[in-house]
N, C-alpha and C. Protein backbone atom coordinates (compact mmCIF):
# COMPACT_ATOMS: atom_id res chain seq x y z
N MET A 1 10.78 -66.45 -15.24
CA MET A 1 11.49 -65.67 -14.69
C MET A 1 11.90 -64.58 -14.77
N CYS A 2 12.24 -63.79 -13.70
CA CYS A 2 12.79 -62.62 -13.67
C CYS A 2 14.19 -62.22 -14.25
N ASP A 3 14.45 -61.52 -14.59
CA ASP A 3 16.21 -60.89 -15.30
C ASP A 3 16.45 -60.42 -13.52
N GLU A 4 17.92 -60.23 -13.61
CA GLU A 4 18.58 -59.42 -12.11
C GLU A 4 18.18 -58.34 -12.11
N LYS A 5 17.02 -57.78 -12.62
CA LYS A 5 16.99 -56.19 -12.88
C LYS A 5 14.86 -56.37 -12.25
N GLY A 6 14.74 -57.81 -11.95
CA GLY A 6 12.90 -57.61 -11.82
C GLY A 6 12.14 -57.43 -12.89
N SER A 7 12.90 -57.33 -13.78
CA SER A 7 12.19 -57.33 -14.94
C SER A 7 11.60 -58.22 -15.44
N ASP A 8 9.98 -58.28 -16.31
CA ASP A 8 9.88 -59.49 -17.12
C ASP A 8 10.19 -60.30 -18.20
N LYS A 9 11.02 -59.87 -18.74
CA LYS A 9 12.03 -60.61 -20.24
C LYS A 9 12.36 -61.71 -19.24
N GLU A 10 11.88 -62.94 -19.92
CA GLU A 10 12.51 -63.83 -19.93
C GLU A 10 13.71 -64.54 -20.06
N VAL A 11 13.73 -65.30 -19.13
CA VAL A 11 15.79 -65.57 -18.72
C VAL A 11 16.01 -67.38 -19.26
N SER A 12 16.68 -67.53 -20.21
CA SER A 12 17.07 -69.14 -20.11
C SER A 12 17.84 -69.27 -19.47
N VAL A 13 17.77 -71.07 -19.07
CA VAL A 13 18.74 -71.13 -17.75
C VAL A 13 19.64 -71.17 -18.22
N ALA A 14 20.64 -71.23 -19.41
CA ALA A 14 21.55 -71.51 -20.14
C ALA A 14 22.48 -69.92 -19.54
N GLU A 15 21.46 -68.28 -19.74
CA GLU A 15 21.82 -67.37 -19.32
C GLU A 15 22.01 -67.23 -17.86
N LEU A 16 21.14 -67.52 -16.95
CA LEU A 16 21.64 -68.06 -15.70
C LEU A 16 22.42 -69.18 -14.83
N LEU A 17 23.17 -69.47 -15.79
CA LEU A 17 24.25 -71.12 -15.85
C LEU A 17 25.82 -69.79 -15.61
N ALA A 18 26.13 -69.86 -14.63
CA ALA A 18 27.78 -69.61 -14.42
C ALA A 18 28.48 -70.56 -14.01
N ILE A 19 28.34 -71.89 -14.51
CA ILE A 19 29.05 -72.56 -14.23
C ILE A 19 28.67 -73.48 -15.42
N GLN A 20 29.96 -74.23 -15.45
CA GLN A 20 29.66 -75.09 -17.37
C GLN A 20 30.10 -76.44 -16.54
N PRO A 21 28.82 -77.48 -16.49
CA PRO A 21 28.91 -78.50 -15.67
C PRO A 21 29.60 -79.75 -16.36
N CYS A 22 30.31 -80.62 -15.67
CA CYS A 22 31.11 -81.30 -16.80
C CYS A 22 30.69 -82.72 -16.07
N LEU A 23 30.67 -83.23 -16.88
CA LEU A 23 30.00 -84.59 -16.46
C LEU A 23 30.96 -86.06 -17.12
N TRP A 24 31.89 -86.79 -16.52
CA TRP A 24 32.47 -88.42 -16.35
C TRP A 24 31.99 -89.22 -16.88
N PHE A 25 32.31 -89.55 -17.61
CA PHE A 25 31.88 -91.04 -18.41
C PHE A 25 32.96 -92.22 -18.00
N ASP A 26 32.33 -93.47 -17.52
CA ASP A 26 33.32 -94.23 -17.70
C ASP A 26 33.74 -95.10 -19.09
N GLY A 27 34.44 -94.23 -19.66
CA GLY A 27 34.83 -94.44 -21.11
C GLY A 27 33.92 -94.66 -22.21
N SER A 28 33.02 -93.95 -21.99
CA SER A 28 31.70 -93.74 -23.01
C SER A 28 31.04 -92.52 -22.79
N ALA A 29 32.05 -91.16 -23.37
CA ALA A 29 32.23 -90.44 -23.63
C ALA A 29 30.96 -89.78 -24.67
N ARG A 30 31.88 -90.45 -25.84
CA ARG A 30 31.06 -90.27 -27.06
C ARG A 30 29.41 -90.75 -27.25
N GLU A 31 29.54 -91.67 -26.54
CA GLU A 31 28.49 -92.48 -26.66
C GLU A 31 27.29 -92.06 -26.20
N ALA A 32 26.89 -91.07 -24.90
CA ALA A 32 26.59 -90.20 -23.72
C ALA A 32 26.14 -89.11 -24.47
N MET A 33 27.12 -88.36 -25.09
CA MET A 33 27.18 -87.01 -25.49
C MET A 33 25.83 -87.35 -26.61
N MET A 34 26.13 -88.22 -27.45
CA MET A 34 25.54 -88.56 -28.45
C MET A 34 23.89 -88.94 -28.11
N TYR A 35 23.38 -89.34 -27.35
CA TYR A 35 22.45 -90.09 -26.41
C TYR A 35 22.39 -88.37 -26.22
N TYR A 36 22.24 -88.08 -25.75
CA TYR A 36 22.15 -87.28 -24.91
C TYR A 36 21.25 -85.34 -25.86
N VAL A 37 22.11 -85.65 -26.90
CA VAL A 37 22.17 -84.94 -27.96
C VAL A 37 21.04 -85.38 -29.17
N ASP A 38 20.93 -86.19 -29.28
CA ASP A 38 19.13 -86.99 -30.12
C ASP A 38 18.26 -86.69 -28.60
N LEU A 39 18.21 -86.65 -27.18
CA LEU A 39 17.05 -86.87 -26.56
C LEU A 39 16.55 -85.32 -26.34
N PHE A 40 17.34 -84.46 -26.65
CA PHE A 40 16.96 -82.74 -26.13
C PHE A 40 17.35 -81.88 -27.59
N PRO A 41 15.94 -81.38 -27.54
CA PRO A 41 16.20 -80.75 -28.52
C PRO A 41 17.07 -79.35 -28.41
N ASN A 42 17.54 -78.91 -29.55
CA ASN A 42 18.32 -77.37 -29.32
C ASN A 42 19.48 -77.89 -28.82
N SER A 43 20.20 -79.17 -29.12
CA SER A 43 20.79 -79.95 -28.79
C SER A 43 22.83 -80.11 -30.10
N ARG A 44 23.60 -80.19 -29.85
CA ARG A 44 24.69 -80.45 -31.02
C ARG A 44 25.62 -80.83 -29.74
N ILE A 45 27.05 -81.55 -30.69
CA ILE A 45 28.16 -81.52 -29.77
C ILE A 45 28.87 -80.96 -31.09
N ASN A 46 29.59 -80.02 -29.93
CA ASN A 46 30.82 -79.00 -30.59
C ASN A 46 31.88 -79.26 -30.84
N SER A 47 32.59 -79.96 -29.78
CA SER A 47 33.85 -80.31 -30.63
C SER A 47 34.38 -81.62 -29.52
N ILE A 48 34.96 -82.66 -30.38
CA ILE A 48 36.03 -83.27 -29.79
C ILE A 48 37.24 -83.88 -29.48
N VAL A 49 37.97 -83.73 -28.63
CA VAL A 49 39.23 -84.05 -28.23
C VAL A 49 39.45 -85.25 -27.68
N GLU A 50 40.28 -86.23 -28.90
CA GLU A 50 40.51 -87.58 -27.74
C GLU A 50 41.49 -87.78 -27.18
N TYR A 51 41.37 -88.72 -26.31
CA TYR A 51 43.21 -88.82 -26.05
C TYR A 51 44.10 -89.35 -27.01
N PRO A 52 45.65 -89.35 -26.48
CA PRO A 52 46.60 -89.33 -27.45
C PRO A 52 46.76 -91.05 -27.16
N ASP A 53 47.89 -90.87 -28.30
CA ASP A 53 47.89 -92.99 -28.70
C ASP A 53 48.56 -93.49 -26.66
N ALA A 54 47.79 -94.47 -26.91
CA ALA A 54 48.77 -95.03 -25.20
C ALA A 54 49.80 -95.31 -25.49
N ALA A 55 50.72 -95.34 -26.37
CA ALA A 55 52.14 -95.84 -26.69
C ALA A 55 52.99 -94.67 -25.54
N LEU A 56 52.60 -93.55 -25.42
CA LEU A 56 52.77 -91.98 -24.83
C LEU A 56 52.96 -92.26 -23.55
N ASP A 57 52.39 -92.85 -23.05
CA ASP A 57 52.01 -92.61 -21.19
C ASP A 57 51.14 -93.78 -20.43
N GLU A 58 51.39 -94.92 -19.90
CA GLU A 58 51.08 -95.79 -19.50
C GLU A 58 49.50 -95.27 -19.01
N HIS A 59 48.57 -94.43 -18.58
CA HIS A 59 47.60 -93.77 -18.24
C HIS A 59 46.67 -93.82 -19.45
N PHE A 60 47.22 -93.39 -20.66
CA PHE A 60 46.66 -93.53 -22.18
C PHE A 60 46.13 -95.15 -22.16
N VAL A 61 46.35 -96.00 -21.44
CA VAL A 61 46.24 -97.58 -21.56
C VAL A 61 45.21 -97.50 -22.27
N GLY A 62 44.34 -98.36 -23.10
CA GLY A 62 42.82 -98.93 -23.32
C GLY A 62 41.99 -96.87 -23.62
N MET A 63 42.81 -96.58 -23.93
CA MET A 63 41.91 -94.84 -23.69
C MET A 63 41.81 -94.44 -25.46
N SER A 64 42.79 -95.15 -26.15
CA SER A 64 42.04 -94.66 -27.65
C SER A 64 41.20 -94.21 -28.02
N ALA A 65 41.35 -93.37 -28.85
CA ALA A 65 40.17 -92.63 -29.14
C ALA A 65 38.73 -92.73 -28.53
N LYS A 66 38.54 -92.73 -27.32
CA LYS A 66 38.34 -92.03 -26.47
C LYS A 66 38.19 -91.02 -26.20
N VAL A 67 37.40 -90.15 -25.66
CA VAL A 67 37.08 -88.25 -25.51
C VAL A 67 37.16 -88.15 -24.40
N LEU A 68 39.12 -87.44 -24.54
CA LEU A 68 39.60 -86.50 -23.08
C LEU A 68 39.29 -85.05 -23.11
N ASN A 69 38.50 -85.10 -23.80
CA ASN A 69 37.59 -83.57 -23.27
C ASN A 69 36.28 -83.10 -25.04
N GLY A 70 35.26 -82.81 -24.47
CA GLY A 70 34.11 -82.79 -24.99
C GLY A 70 33.38 -81.90 -24.51
N SER A 71 32.68 -80.90 -26.07
CA SER A 71 32.06 -79.99 -25.76
C SER A 71 30.73 -79.90 -26.48
N PHE A 72 29.39 -80.14 -25.59
CA PHE A 72 28.23 -80.57 -26.14
C PHE A 72 27.37 -80.06 -25.54
N THR A 73 25.75 -79.39 -26.99
CA THR A 73 24.25 -77.94 -26.25
C THR A 73 23.49 -79.35 -25.85
N LEU A 74 22.97 -79.21 -24.71
CA LEU A 74 21.52 -79.79 -24.52
C LEU A 74 20.46 -78.24 -24.23
N ASP A 75 19.83 -78.36 -25.05
CA ASP A 75 18.89 -77.38 -24.97
C ASP A 75 19.38 -75.86 -24.43
N GLY A 76 20.22 -75.78 -25.69
CA GLY A 76 21.08 -74.37 -25.22
C GLY A 76 22.01 -73.82 -24.31
N VAL A 77 22.10 -74.84 -23.08
CA VAL A 77 23.05 -75.08 -22.22
C VAL A 77 24.22 -76.00 -22.68
N ASP A 78 25.66 -74.98 -21.98
CA ASP A 78 27.12 -75.65 -22.69
C ASP A 78 27.28 -76.99 -21.54
N PHE A 79 27.76 -77.70 -21.31
CA PHE A 79 28.15 -78.62 -20.81
C PHE A 79 29.17 -79.31 -21.49
N ALA A 80 30.46 -79.74 -20.35
CA ALA A 80 31.49 -80.20 -20.66
C ALA A 80 32.14 -81.80 -20.66
N GLY A 81 32.59 -82.79 -21.73
CA GLY A 81 32.08 -84.18 -21.14
C GLY A 81 33.64 -84.82 -21.53
N ARG A 82 33.95 -86.24 -20.44
CA ARG A 82 35.12 -86.41 -20.92
C ARG A 82 35.01 -88.31 -20.01
N SER A 83 35.48 -88.82 -20.80
CA SER A 83 35.71 -90.17 -20.54
C SER A 83 36.50 -89.98 -19.34
N SER A 84 36.05 -91.35 -18.54
CA SER A 84 37.39 -91.79 -17.59
C SER A 84 37.98 -92.86 -17.14
N PRO A 85 38.92 -93.46 -17.71
CA PRO A 85 39.66 -94.67 -17.37
C PRO A 85 38.62 -95.37 -16.38
N ARG A 86 38.36 -96.70 -16.34
CA ARG A 86 37.37 -97.39 -15.96
C ARG A 86 38.09 -97.41 -14.09
N THR A 87 39.42 -97.12 -14.37
CA THR A 87 40.57 -97.91 -13.01
C THR A 87 40.14 -96.45 -11.89
N SER A 88 39.39 -94.86 -12.86
CA SER A 88 39.73 -93.98 -12.02
C SER A 88 38.75 -93.99 -10.43
N PRO A 89 38.98 -93.14 -9.49
CA PRO A 89 39.11 -93.55 -8.29
C PRO A 89 38.09 -92.28 -8.04
N ILE A 90 37.62 -91.22 -9.01
CA ILE A 90 36.20 -90.79 -8.97
C ILE A 90 34.91 -91.30 -9.57
């Protein structure tokens, strides 16, 4: 693949990607991130922020210890991931 100047320099997908994909999972983001990191080479989980205690807000009920925001890299490409409550309309 050529770079934007037309040279024959190899350009990775990570270099071309201007938008970071965010994947939503029905309550299973941690498990999904671990699965994909094991599946692809040059991959890792960068960070995980968990939902706060369910006592703080009714929207957090059932989400304790689930991934509110996660950052992971698959074969050099960065992704964001999060667990969505199963009742989420999206």
